[in-house]
Amino acid sequence: MTTKLKSAEHLEELELNKLLKYLYQNELWVYYLMVRLGVSTALRFSDLSRIRWVDVLNKQVLTIKEKKTGKAREIPLHTELVDNLTKIYNKMGRPNIDGVLIPLHIRTINKQIKIYAAKSGVRGKRISTHSWRKCFGREVWKRNNYSEGSLVKLSQLFNHSSISITRIYLDITREEVNDLYNLQDLFVY
C-alpha cells in the first residue's frame, strides 16, 4: 500500500491575516516578506528566494525569469505592497540592496512557518511555502465570483495543462462547485 503525500493547503483570508499579523508584531521579517510576496506574486519558493531588494524597492513591476519554466514574467507591484516592503527594509536596518529578501532554506522556512502559524492561532492546516500560491489562486477565484473564466486565467498563470488541473491544485471541492448552482432566491415567480 502506498501512502499519498498530502499537498499544501491554502489559508482563508482570516487565517492569512492572523499569520501576517503575528509575523509582523514579532518582527519575523523574513517570514513576513515570504508570505506577503508569495501571496502577492503567486511565485514558487524557488523564485521568491531569488528576489533581491533592488528588484522590488521603488518599483512598479517585478521582472523575473521563472526557474521551473524558464519563462520571463512581469508582475505588477501594488503601491501598498511597495510601501510595505520599503518600511520592512528600513526596519531591517537597510540590508544590502543587492541581497535577497529571503535568505533561508526552504526546509527551515517550512518547519518554522508551521510553528508560527500555530502560535498565531492557525491550526490543522498543511502549510508550506506553496500555500501562498494557493492562497493567491483561491482569492482570485473568489473575487471573480468563482467563475470558470478566472480558472482559465489562473491555469495559464500557473502554467497548468488544463483548468481541471487548476481545480485540483486549488482544492476546489465538488461541494463548492455544486454550491454555485444554489440559485433558489434568484427565481421569485
N, C-alpha and C. Protein backbone atom coordinates (compact mmCIF):
# COMPACT_ATOMS: atom_id res chain seq x y z
N MET A 1 0.84 -1.18 0.00
CA MET A 1 0.00 0.00 0.00
C MET A 1 0.89 1.25 0.00
N THR A 2 0.61 2.18 -0.91
CA THR A 2 1.38 3.41 -0.96
C THR A 2 0.62 4.51 -0.23
N THR A 3 1.38 5.36 0.42
CA THR A 3 0.78 6.48 1.13
C THR A 3 0.91 7.72 0.26
N LYS A 4 -0.20 8.36 0.00
CA LYS A 4 -0.18 9.57 -0.80
C LYS A 4 0.17 10.75 0.10
N LEU A 5 1.16 11.51 -0.34
CA LEU A 5 1.53 12.70 0.42
C LEU A 5 0.45 13.76 0.25
N LYS A 6 0.13 14.41 1.32
CA LYS A 6 -0.86 15.49 1.27
C LYS A 6 -0.15 16.77 0.87
N SER A 7 -0.77 17.49 -0.05
CA SER A 7 -0.14 18.72 -0.52
C SER A 7 -0.48 19.88 0.41
N ALA A 8 0.23 20.97 0.18
CA ALA A 8 -0.01 22.17 0.97
C ALA A 8 -1.42 22.68 0.75
N GLU A 9 -1.96 23.29 1.78
CA GLU A 9 -3.31 23.86 1.71
C GLU A 9 -3.23 25.38 1.67
N HIS A 10 -4.28 25.98 1.14
CA HIS A 10 -4.39 27.44 1.19
C HIS A 10 -4.92 27.84 2.57
N LEU A 11 -4.73 29.09 2.91
CA LEU A 11 -5.32 29.64 4.12
C LEU A 11 -6.47 30.54 3.71
N GLU A 12 -7.49 30.56 4.52
CA GLU A 12 -8.59 31.51 4.31
C GLU A 12 -8.08 32.91 4.66
N GLU A 13 -8.78 33.93 4.22
CA GLU A 13 -8.34 35.31 4.42
C GLU A 13 -8.09 35.62 5.89
N LEU A 14 -8.98 35.21 6.77
CA LEU A 14 -8.83 35.48 8.20
C LEU A 14 -7.57 34.79 8.75
N GLU A 15 -7.35 33.55 8.34
CA GLU A 15 -6.16 32.81 8.79
C GLU A 15 -4.88 33.47 8.29
N LEU A 16 -4.90 33.87 7.04
CA LEU A 16 -3.73 34.52 6.45
C LEU A 16 -3.41 35.82 7.19
N ASN A 17 -4.43 36.60 7.48
CA ASN A 17 -4.21 37.86 8.19
C ASN A 17 -3.74 37.63 9.63
N LYS A 18 -4.22 36.59 10.27
CA LYS A 18 -3.73 36.24 11.62
C LYS A 18 -2.23 35.95 11.58
N LEU A 19 -1.84 35.15 10.59
CA LEU A 19 -0.43 34.78 10.45
C LEU A 19 0.42 36.02 10.14
N LEU A 20 -0.01 36.82 9.19
CA LEU A 20 0.74 38.03 8.85
C LEU A 20 0.87 38.97 10.05
N LYS A 21 -0.20 39.13 10.80
CA LYS A 21 -0.18 40.00 11.98
C LYS A 21 0.83 39.47 13.01
N TYR A 22 0.81 38.15 13.23
CA TYR A 22 1.75 37.55 14.18
C TYR A 22 3.19 37.78 13.73
N LEU A 23 3.47 37.53 12.46
CA LEU A 23 4.83 37.69 11.94
C LEU A 23 5.28 39.15 12.05
N TYR A 24 4.39 40.07 11.73
CA TYR A 24 4.71 41.49 11.79
C TYR A 24 4.96 41.94 13.24
N GLN A 25 4.04 41.59 14.13
CA GLN A 25 4.17 42.02 15.52
C GLN A 25 5.41 41.44 16.20
N ASN A 26 5.83 40.26 15.76
CA ASN A 26 7.01 39.63 16.35
C ASN A 26 8.28 39.90 15.55
N GLU A 27 8.16 40.81 14.60
CA GLU A 27 9.30 41.25 13.78
C GLU A 27 10.04 40.08 13.13
N LEU A 28 9.28 39.12 12.66
CA LEU A 28 9.83 37.98 11.93
C LEU A 28 9.81 38.34 10.45
N TRP A 29 10.69 39.29 10.10
CA TRP A 29 10.60 39.97 8.82
C TRP A 29 10.77 39.05 7.62
N VAL A 30 11.72 38.15 7.66
CA VAL A 30 11.94 37.27 6.50
C VAL A 30 10.69 36.43 6.23
N TYR A 31 10.07 35.92 7.28
CA TYR A 31 8.86 35.11 7.12
C TYR A 31 7.68 35.98 6.66
N TYR A 32 7.61 37.16 7.21
CA TYR A 32 6.57 38.10 6.80
C TYR A 32 6.70 38.41 5.30
N LEU A 33 7.92 38.71 4.88
CA LEU A 33 8.16 39.01 3.46
C LEU A 33 7.82 37.83 2.58
N MET A 34 8.18 36.63 3.02
CA MET A 34 7.90 35.44 2.23
C MET A 34 6.40 35.25 2.02
N VAL A 35 5.63 35.42 3.08
CA VAL A 35 4.18 35.25 2.98
C VAL A 35 3.59 36.36 2.13
N ARG A 36 3.93 37.61 2.44
CA ARG A 36 3.37 38.76 1.68
C ARG A 36 3.68 38.66 0.20
N LEU A 37 4.95 38.44 -0.12
CA LEU A 37 5.34 38.35 -1.53
C LEU A 37 4.78 37.09 -2.19
N GLY A 38 4.74 36.00 -1.45
CA GLY A 38 4.19 34.76 -2.00
C GLY A 38 2.74 34.91 -2.39
N VAL A 39 1.96 35.53 -1.53
CA VAL A 39 0.53 35.73 -1.82
C VAL A 39 0.34 36.80 -2.89
N SER A 40 1.18 37.81 -2.90
CA SER A 40 1.02 38.92 -3.84
C SER A 40 1.50 38.61 -5.25
N THR A 41 2.45 37.69 -5.37
CA THR A 41 3.04 37.41 -6.69
C THR A 41 2.70 36.03 -7.24
N ALA A 42 2.25 35.12 -6.39
CA ALA A 42 1.96 33.73 -6.76
C ALA A 42 3.19 33.01 -7.30
N LEU A 43 4.36 33.42 -6.85
CA LEU A 43 5.60 32.77 -7.29
C LEU A 43 5.91 31.55 -6.42
N ARG A 44 6.61 30.60 -7.01
CA ARG A 44 7.12 29.45 -6.26
C ARG A 44 8.28 29.93 -5.38
N PHE A 45 8.59 29.13 -4.36
CA PHE A 45 9.68 29.49 -3.46
C PHE A 45 11.00 29.63 -4.22
N SER A 46 11.22 28.78 -5.22
CA SER A 46 12.47 28.84 -5.98
C SER A 46 12.66 30.21 -6.63
N ASP A 47 11.56 30.90 -6.92
CA ASP A 47 11.65 32.25 -7.48
C ASP A 47 11.63 33.32 -6.39
N LEU A 48 10.79 33.13 -5.37
CA LEU A 48 10.75 34.08 -4.25
C LEU A 48 12.13 34.24 -3.61
N SER A 49 12.83 33.13 -3.47
CA SER A 49 14.12 33.14 -2.78
C SER A 49 15.22 33.83 -3.59
N ARG A 50 14.94 34.16 -4.84
CA ARG A 50 15.94 34.85 -5.68
C ARG A 50 15.66 36.35 -5.80
N ILE A 51 14.53 36.82 -5.24
CA ILE A 51 14.20 38.25 -5.34
C ILE A 51 15.14 39.05 -4.44
N ARG A 52 15.72 40.07 -5.04
CA ARG A 52 16.63 40.95 -4.30
C ARG A 52 15.91 42.26 -3.99
N TRP A 53 16.41 42.97 -3.02
CA TRP A 53 15.81 44.25 -2.64
C TRP A 53 15.75 45.20 -3.83
N VAL A 54 16.80 45.21 -4.61
CA VAL A 54 16.87 46.11 -5.77
C VAL A 54 15.76 45.79 -6.78
N ASP A 55 15.25 44.57 -6.77
CA ASP A 55 14.18 44.16 -7.69
C ASP A 55 12.82 44.73 -7.31
N VAL A 56 12.64 45.11 -6.04
CA VAL A 56 11.30 45.50 -5.58
C VAL A 56 11.19 46.90 -4.97
N LEU A 57 12.29 47.43 -4.46
CA LEU A 57 12.21 48.74 -3.84
C LEU A 57 11.96 49.82 -4.89
N ASN A 58 10.93 50.61 -4.65
CA ASN A 58 10.55 51.71 -5.55
C ASN A 58 10.28 51.24 -6.99
N LYS A 59 9.78 50.05 -7.13
CA LYS A 59 9.45 49.50 -8.45
C LYS A 59 7.94 49.32 -8.56
N GLN A 60 7.45 49.41 -9.77
CA GLN A 60 6.03 49.14 -10.03
C GLN A 60 5.81 47.75 -10.61
N VAL A 61 6.91 47.15 -11.11
CA VAL A 61 6.83 45.84 -11.73
C VAL A 61 8.04 45.02 -11.29
N LEU A 62 7.79 43.77 -10.95
CA LEU A 62 8.85 42.81 -10.66
C LEU A 62 9.04 41.98 -11.92
N THR A 63 10.25 41.99 -12.46
CA THR A 63 10.56 41.19 -13.64
C THR A 63 11.42 40.03 -13.19
N ILE A 64 10.98 38.83 -13.53
CA ILE A 64 11.69 37.63 -13.09
C ILE A 64 11.61 36.55 -14.15
N LYS A 65 12.66 35.77 -14.25
CA LYS A 65 12.65 34.60 -15.13
C LYS A 65 12.41 33.40 -14.21
N GLU A 66 11.27 32.74 -14.39
CA GLU A 66 10.92 31.63 -13.51
C GLU A 66 11.92 30.49 -13.64
N LYS A 67 12.36 29.99 -12.52
CA LYS A 67 13.35 28.92 -12.50
C LYS A 67 12.79 27.63 -13.11
N LYS A 68 11.57 27.26 -12.74
CA LYS A 68 10.99 25.99 -13.19
C LYS A 68 10.65 26.00 -14.67
N THR A 69 10.04 27.09 -15.13
CA THR A 69 9.56 27.13 -16.51
C THR A 69 10.51 27.83 -17.47
N GLY A 70 11.42 28.64 -16.94
CA GLY A 70 12.31 29.41 -17.79
C GLY A 70 11.63 30.61 -18.44
N LYS A 71 10.36 30.82 -18.12
CA LYS A 71 9.60 31.92 -18.71
C LYS A 71 9.84 33.22 -17.95
N ALA A 72 9.92 34.31 -18.73
CA ALA A 72 10.02 35.64 -18.12
C ALA A 72 8.63 36.09 -17.72
N ARG A 73 8.53 36.68 -16.54
CA ARG A 73 7.24 37.21 -16.08
C ARG A 73 7.42 38.61 -15.56
N GLU A 74 6.43 39.42 -15.84
CA GLU A 74 6.35 40.76 -15.27
C GLU A 74 5.15 40.79 -14.35
N ILE A 75 5.40 41.08 -13.09
CA ILE A 75 4.34 41.05 -12.08
C ILE A 75 4.15 42.46 -11.54
N PRO A 76 2.95 43.03 -11.70
CA PRO A 76 2.71 44.37 -11.14
C PRO A 76 2.83 44.35 -9.62
N LEU A 77 3.47 45.37 -9.09
CA LEU A 77 3.59 45.52 -7.64
C LEU A 77 2.73 46.71 -7.23
N HIS A 78 1.72 46.43 -6.42
CA HIS A 78 0.82 47.49 -5.97
C HIS A 78 1.55 48.45 -5.05
N THR A 79 1.13 49.69 -5.08
CA THR A 79 1.75 50.75 -4.29
C THR A 79 1.81 50.38 -2.81
N GLU A 80 0.73 49.82 -2.28
CA GLU A 80 0.69 49.44 -0.86
C GLU A 80 1.76 48.40 -0.55
N LEU A 81 1.97 47.44 -1.45
CA LEU A 81 2.98 46.41 -1.24
C LEU A 81 4.38 47.03 -1.27
N VAL A 82 4.65 47.88 -2.24
CA VAL A 82 5.96 48.52 -2.35
C VAL A 82 6.24 49.38 -1.12
N ASP A 83 5.23 50.13 -0.65
CA ASP A 83 5.39 50.94 0.56
C ASP A 83 5.69 50.05 1.76
N ASN A 84 5.00 48.92 1.84
CA ASN A 84 5.21 47.97 2.93
C ASN A 84 6.62 47.38 2.87
N LEU A 85 7.07 47.01 1.68
CA LEU A 85 8.43 46.46 1.52
C LEU A 85 9.48 47.49 1.93
N THR A 86 9.27 48.74 1.58
CA THR A 86 10.20 49.81 1.95
C THR A 86 10.25 49.97 3.46
N LYS A 87 9.09 49.91 4.10
CA LYS A 87 9.02 50.02 5.56
C LYS A 87 9.79 48.86 6.22
N ILE A 88 9.59 47.67 5.73
CA ILE A 88 10.28 46.49 6.29
C ILE A 88 11.78 46.61 6.06
N TYR A 89 12.16 47.04 4.86
CA TYR A 89 13.57 47.23 4.52
C TYR A 89 14.23 48.16 5.54
N ASN A 90 13.57 49.25 5.88
CA ASN A 90 14.09 50.19 6.87
C ASN A 90 14.11 49.57 8.27
N LYS A 91 13.07 48.83 8.64
CA LYS A 91 13.02 48.18 9.96
C LYS A 91 14.13 47.14 10.11
N MET A 92 14.54 46.54 8.98
CA MET A 92 15.61 45.53 8.99
C MET A 92 16.99 46.17 8.98
N GLY A 93 17.05 47.49 9.06
CA GLY A 93 18.33 48.18 9.10
C GLY A 93 18.95 48.40 7.72
N ARG A 94 18.11 48.45 6.71
CA ARG A 94 18.54 48.71 5.33
C ARG A 94 19.64 47.75 4.88
N PRO A 95 19.30 46.46 4.75
CA PRO A 95 20.30 45.48 4.32
C PRO A 95 20.83 45.80 2.91
N ASN A 96 21.87 45.10 2.51
CA ASN A 96 22.48 45.28 1.19
C ASN A 96 21.41 45.23 0.11
N ILE A 97 21.34 46.25 -0.71
CA ILE A 97 20.32 46.38 -1.75
C ILE A 97 20.39 45.23 -2.76
N ASP A 98 21.56 44.63 -2.91
CA ASP A 98 21.72 43.50 -3.83
C ASP A 98 21.47 42.15 -3.16
N GLY A 99 21.17 42.19 -1.85
CA GLY A 99 20.90 40.95 -1.12
C GLY A 99 19.48 40.46 -1.36
N VAL A 100 19.29 39.16 -1.16
CA VAL A 100 17.95 38.57 -1.33
C VAL A 100 17.10 38.86 -0.10
N LEU A 101 15.79 38.93 -0.32
CA LEU A 101 14.85 39.19 0.77
C LEU A 101 14.68 37.97 1.67
N ILE A 102 14.79 36.78 1.07
CA ILE A 102 14.52 35.54 1.80
C ILE A 102 15.77 34.65 1.74
N PRO A 103 16.72 34.87 2.66
CA PRO A 103 18.00 34.15 2.60
C PRO A 103 17.99 32.82 3.37
N LEU A 104 16.84 32.18 3.46
CA LEU A 104 16.73 30.94 4.23
C LEU A 104 16.43 29.76 3.30
N HIS A 105 16.77 28.57 3.77
CA HIS A 105 16.50 27.34 3.03
C HIS A 105 15.02 26.98 3.15
N ILE A 106 14.48 26.36 2.15
CA ILE A 106 13.05 26.02 2.12
C ILE A 106 12.65 25.13 3.30
N ARG A 107 13.52 24.19 3.68
CA ARG A 107 13.18 23.30 4.81
C ARG A 107 13.06 24.08 6.12
N THR A 108 13.95 25.04 6.31
CA THR A 108 13.89 25.89 7.51
C THR A 108 12.58 26.66 7.53
N ILE A 109 12.25 27.26 6.41
CA ILE A 109 11.03 28.06 6.33
C ILE A 109 9.80 27.20 6.55
N ASN A 110 9.73 26.05 5.89
CA ASN A 110 8.55 25.19 6.05
C ASN A 110 8.38 24.72 7.49
N LYS A 111 9.48 24.42 8.16
CA LYS A 111 9.41 23.99 9.56
C LYS A 111 8.93 25.14 10.45
N GLN A 112 9.56 26.30 10.29
CA GLN A 112 9.24 27.44 11.15
C GLN A 112 7.85 28.01 10.89
N ILE A 113 7.43 28.03 9.63
CA ILE A 113 6.14 28.65 9.31
C ILE A 113 4.99 27.86 9.96
N LYS A 114 5.15 26.57 10.10
CA LYS A 114 4.14 25.75 10.79
C LYS A 114 4.06 26.16 12.26
N ILE A 115 5.21 26.39 12.86
CA ILE A 115 5.27 26.81 14.27
C ILE A 115 4.63 28.18 14.43
N TYR A 116 4.99 29.11 13.55
CA TYR A 116 4.45 30.47 13.64
C TYR A 116 2.94 30.48 13.36
N ALA A 117 2.51 29.66 12.44
CA ALA A 117 1.07 29.58 12.14
C ALA A 117 0.32 29.12 13.39
N ALA A 118 0.82 28.08 14.04
CA ALA A 118 0.17 27.57 15.25
C ALA A 118 0.14 28.65 16.34
N LYS A 119 1.25 29.36 16.50
CA LYS A 119 1.31 30.43 17.51
C LYS A 119 0.35 31.57 17.19
N SER A 120 0.06 31.76 15.90
CA SER A 120 -0.86 32.83 15.51
C SER A 120 -2.32 32.40 15.64
N GLY A 121 -2.54 31.11 15.91
CA GLY A 121 -3.91 30.61 16.05
C GLY A 121 -4.40 29.84 14.84
N VAL A 122 -3.55 29.65 13.85
CA VAL A 122 -3.91 28.88 12.65
C VAL A 122 -3.43 27.45 12.87
N ARG A 123 -4.40 26.55 13.03
CA ARG A 123 -4.06 25.15 13.32
C ARG A 123 -4.80 24.21 12.39
N GLY A 124 -4.24 23.02 12.25
CA GLY A 124 -4.92 21.98 11.48
C GLY A 124 -4.79 22.13 9.98
N LYS A 125 -3.83 22.92 9.54
CA LYS A 125 -3.61 23.13 8.10
C LYS A 125 -2.24 22.60 7.73
N ARG A 126 -2.15 22.04 6.53
CA ARG A 126 -0.86 21.63 5.98
C ARG A 126 -0.28 22.85 5.25
N ILE A 127 0.61 23.55 5.94
CA ILE A 127 1.15 24.80 5.41
C ILE A 127 2.59 24.59 4.97
N SER A 128 2.90 25.17 3.82
CA SER A 128 4.28 25.21 3.34
C SER A 128 4.43 26.46 2.49
N THR A 129 5.62 26.63 1.93
CA THR A 129 5.85 27.80 1.07
C THR A 129 4.92 27.78 -0.13
N HIS A 130 4.40 26.64 -0.49
CA HIS A 130 3.49 26.54 -1.64
C HIS A 130 2.08 27.01 -1.30
N SER A 131 1.77 27.13 -0.03
CA SER A 131 0.44 27.59 0.40
C SER A 131 0.12 28.98 -0.13
N TRP A 132 1.14 29.81 -0.28
CA TRP A 132 0.89 31.21 -0.68
C TRP A 132 0.39 31.30 -2.12
N ARG A 133 0.92 30.45 -3.00
CA ARG A 133 0.42 30.38 -4.39
C ARG A 133 -1.04 29.96 -4.40
N LYS A 134 -1.35 29.01 -3.55
CA LYS A 134 -2.73 28.52 -3.48
C LYS A 134 -3.65 29.58 -2.88
N CYS A 135 -3.16 30.33 -1.89
CA CYS A 135 -3.96 31.44 -1.33
C CYS A 135 -4.27 32.44 -2.43
N PHE A 136 -3.27 32.78 -3.22
CA PHE A 136 -3.46 33.72 -4.32
C PHE A 136 -4.54 33.19 -5.27
N GLY A 137 -4.41 31.95 -5.69
CA GLY A 137 -5.37 31.37 -6.64
C GLY A 137 -6.78 31.32 -6.09
N ARG A 138 -6.92 30.89 -4.85
CA ARG A 138 -8.26 30.81 -4.25
C ARG A 138 -8.88 32.21 -4.13
N GLU A 139 -8.07 33.19 -3.79
CA GLU A 139 -8.59 34.55 -3.64
C GLU A 139 -9.00 35.13 -4.99
N VAL A 140 -8.21 34.87 -6.03
CA VAL A 140 -8.58 35.33 -7.38
C VAL A 140 -9.90 34.68 -7.79
N TRP A 141 -10.03 33.39 -7.56
CA TRP A 141 -11.26 32.66 -7.91
C TRP A 141 -12.45 33.25 -7.16
N LYS A 142 -12.27 33.50 -5.85
CA LYS A 142 -13.33 34.07 -5.01
C LYS A 142 -13.72 35.48 -5.48
N ARG A 143 -12.73 36.34 -5.70
CA ARG A 143 -13.01 37.73 -6.08
C ARG A 143 -13.61 37.85 -7.48
N ASN A 144 -13.53 36.78 -8.25
CA ASN A 144 -14.14 36.75 -9.58
C ASN A 144 -15.40 35.90 -9.57
N ASN A 145 -16.06 35.88 -8.41
CA ASN A 145 -17.34 35.17 -8.25
C ASN A 145 -17.26 33.69 -8.65
N TYR A 146 -16.14 33.07 -8.32
CA TYR A 146 -15.96 31.64 -8.55
C TYR A 146 -16.19 31.27 -10.02
N SER A 147 -15.76 32.15 -10.89
CA SER A 147 -16.04 31.98 -12.32
C SER A 147 -15.08 31.00 -12.98
N GLU A 148 -15.59 30.38 -14.01
CA GLU A 148 -14.80 29.48 -14.85
C GLU A 148 -13.71 30.29 -15.56
N GLY A 149 -14.04 31.52 -15.94
CA GLY A 149 -13.08 32.38 -16.61
C GLY A 149 -11.85 32.66 -15.76
N SER A 150 -12.05 32.84 -14.46
CA SER A 150 -10.91 33.07 -13.58
C SER A 150 -10.04 31.82 -13.49
N LEU A 151 -10.66 30.64 -13.56
CA LEU A 151 -9.88 29.40 -13.54
C LEU A 151 -9.06 29.25 -14.82
N VAL A 152 -9.61 29.69 -15.93
CA VAL A 152 -8.86 29.64 -17.20
C VAL A 152 -7.61 30.51 -17.09
N LYS A 153 -7.78 31.73 -16.57
CA LYS A 153 -6.66 32.65 -16.42
C LYS A 153 -5.63 32.12 -15.42
N LEU A 154 -6.12 31.59 -14.31
CA LEU A 154 -5.21 31.02 -13.31
C LEU A 154 -4.45 29.83 -13.88
N SER A 155 -5.12 29.03 -14.68
CA SER A 155 -4.49 27.88 -15.32
C SER A 155 -3.30 28.34 -16.16
N GLN A 156 -3.47 29.44 -16.87
CA GLN A 156 -2.38 30.00 -17.68
C GLN A 156 -1.28 30.56 -16.78
N LEU A 157 -1.66 31.28 -15.75
CA LEU A 157 -0.69 31.87 -14.83
C LEU A 157 0.15 30.79 -14.16
N PHE A 158 -0.50 29.72 -13.72
CA PHE A 158 0.19 28.63 -13.04
C PHE A 158 0.87 27.67 -14.02
N ASN A 159 0.65 27.88 -15.31
CA ASN A 159 1.21 27.03 -16.36
C ASN A 159 0.69 25.59 -16.25
N HIS A 160 -0.60 25.45 -15.93
CA HIS A 160 -1.23 24.14 -15.87
C HIS A 160 -1.72 23.75 -17.27
N SER A 161 -1.80 22.46 -17.51
CA SER A 161 -2.21 21.99 -18.84
C SER A 161 -3.73 22.11 -19.05
N SER A 162 -4.50 22.23 -17.97
CA SER A 162 -5.96 22.35 -18.10
C SER A 162 -6.54 22.98 -16.84
N ILE A 163 -7.80 23.45 -16.96
CA ILE A 163 -8.42 24.03 -15.77
C ILE A 163 -8.80 22.94 -14.77
N SER A 164 -8.94 21.70 -15.22
CA SER A 164 -9.22 20.63 -14.26
C SER A 164 -8.01 20.44 -13.33
N ILE A 165 -6.82 20.62 -13.84
CA ILE A 165 -5.61 20.56 -13.00
C ILE A 165 -5.63 21.73 -12.01
N THR A 166 -6.04 22.89 -12.47
CA THR A 166 -6.12 24.07 -11.60
C THR A 166 -7.14 23.85 -10.49
N ARG A 167 -8.27 23.23 -10.82
CA ARG A 167 -9.27 22.93 -9.79
C ARG A 167 -8.68 22.02 -8.71
N ILE A 168 -7.98 20.99 -9.14
CA ILE A 168 -7.35 20.06 -8.19
C ILE A 168 -6.30 20.80 -7.37
N TYR A 169 -5.49 21.58 -8.05
CA TYR A 169 -4.41 22.34 -7.40
C TYR A 169 -4.96 23.25 -6.31
N LEU A 170 -6.09 23.90 -6.59
CA LEU A 170 -6.68 24.83 -5.63
C LEU A 170 -7.61 24.14 -4.63
N ASP A 171 -7.66 22.81 -4.68
CA ASP A 171 -8.51 22.05 -3.76
C ASP A 171 -9.97 22.47 -3.83
N ILE A 172 -10.43 22.76 -5.04
CA ILE A 172 -11.83 23.14 -5.21
C ILE A 172 -12.65 21.85 -5.12
N THR A 173 -13.47 21.78 -4.11
CA THR A 173 -14.22 20.55 -3.85
C THR A 173 -15.48 20.48 -4.68
N ARG A 174 -15.99 19.28 -4.83
CA ARG A 174 -17.25 19.05 -5.55
C ARG A 174 -18.38 19.86 -4.90
N GLU A 175 -18.35 19.96 -3.56
CA GLU A 175 -19.40 20.71 -2.85
C GLU A 175 -19.36 22.19 -3.23
N GLU A 176 -18.15 22.75 -3.35
CA GLU A 176 -18.04 24.15 -3.74
C GLU A 176 -18.59 24.38 -5.14
N VAL A 177 -18.31 23.46 -6.03
CA VAL A 177 -18.84 23.58 -7.40
C VAL A 177 -20.36 23.44 -7.37
N ASN A 178 -20.89 22.47 -6.64
CA ASN A 178 -22.34 22.28 -6.55
C ASN A 178 -23.03 23.49 -5.92
N ASP A 179 -22.37 24.14 -4.95
CA ASP A 179 -22.94 25.33 -4.31
C ASP A 179 -23.16 26.47 -5.30
N LEU A 180 -22.41 26.47 -6.38
CA LEU A 180 -22.58 27.51 -7.40
C LEU A 180 -23.97 27.46 -8.02
N TYR A 181 -24.59 26.27 -7.97
CA TYR A 181 -25.92 26.11 -8.57
C TYR A 181 -27.05 26.42 -7.59
N ASN A 182 -26.71 26.85 -6.40
CA ASN A 182 -27.71 27.14 -5.38
C ASN A 182 -28.31 28.52 -5.64
N LEU A 183 -29.31 28.58 -6.54
CA LEU A 183 -29.85 29.85 -7.00
C LEU A 183 -31.34 30.03 -6.68
N GLN A 184 -31.85 29.34 -5.66
CA GLN A 184 -33.27 29.39 -5.35
C GLN A 184 -33.80 30.81 -5.22
N ASP A 185 -33.04 31.68 -4.57
CA ASP A 185 -33.53 33.02 -4.33
C ASP A 185 -33.53 33.90 -5.60
N LEU A 186 -32.95 33.38 -6.68
CA LEU A 186 -32.91 34.13 -7.93
C LEU A 186 -34.25 34.11 -8.64
N PHE A 187 -34.98 33.03 -8.44
CA PHE A 187 -36.26 32.87 -9.15
C PHE A 187 -37.41 33.07 -8.17
N VAL A 188 -38.06 34.23 -8.22
CA VAL A 188 -39.10 34.52 -7.25
C VAL A 188 -40.50 34.16 -7.77
N TYR A 189 -40.69 34.09 -9.06
CA TYR A 189 -42.03 33.78 -9.59
C TYR A 189 -42.04 32.44 -10.28
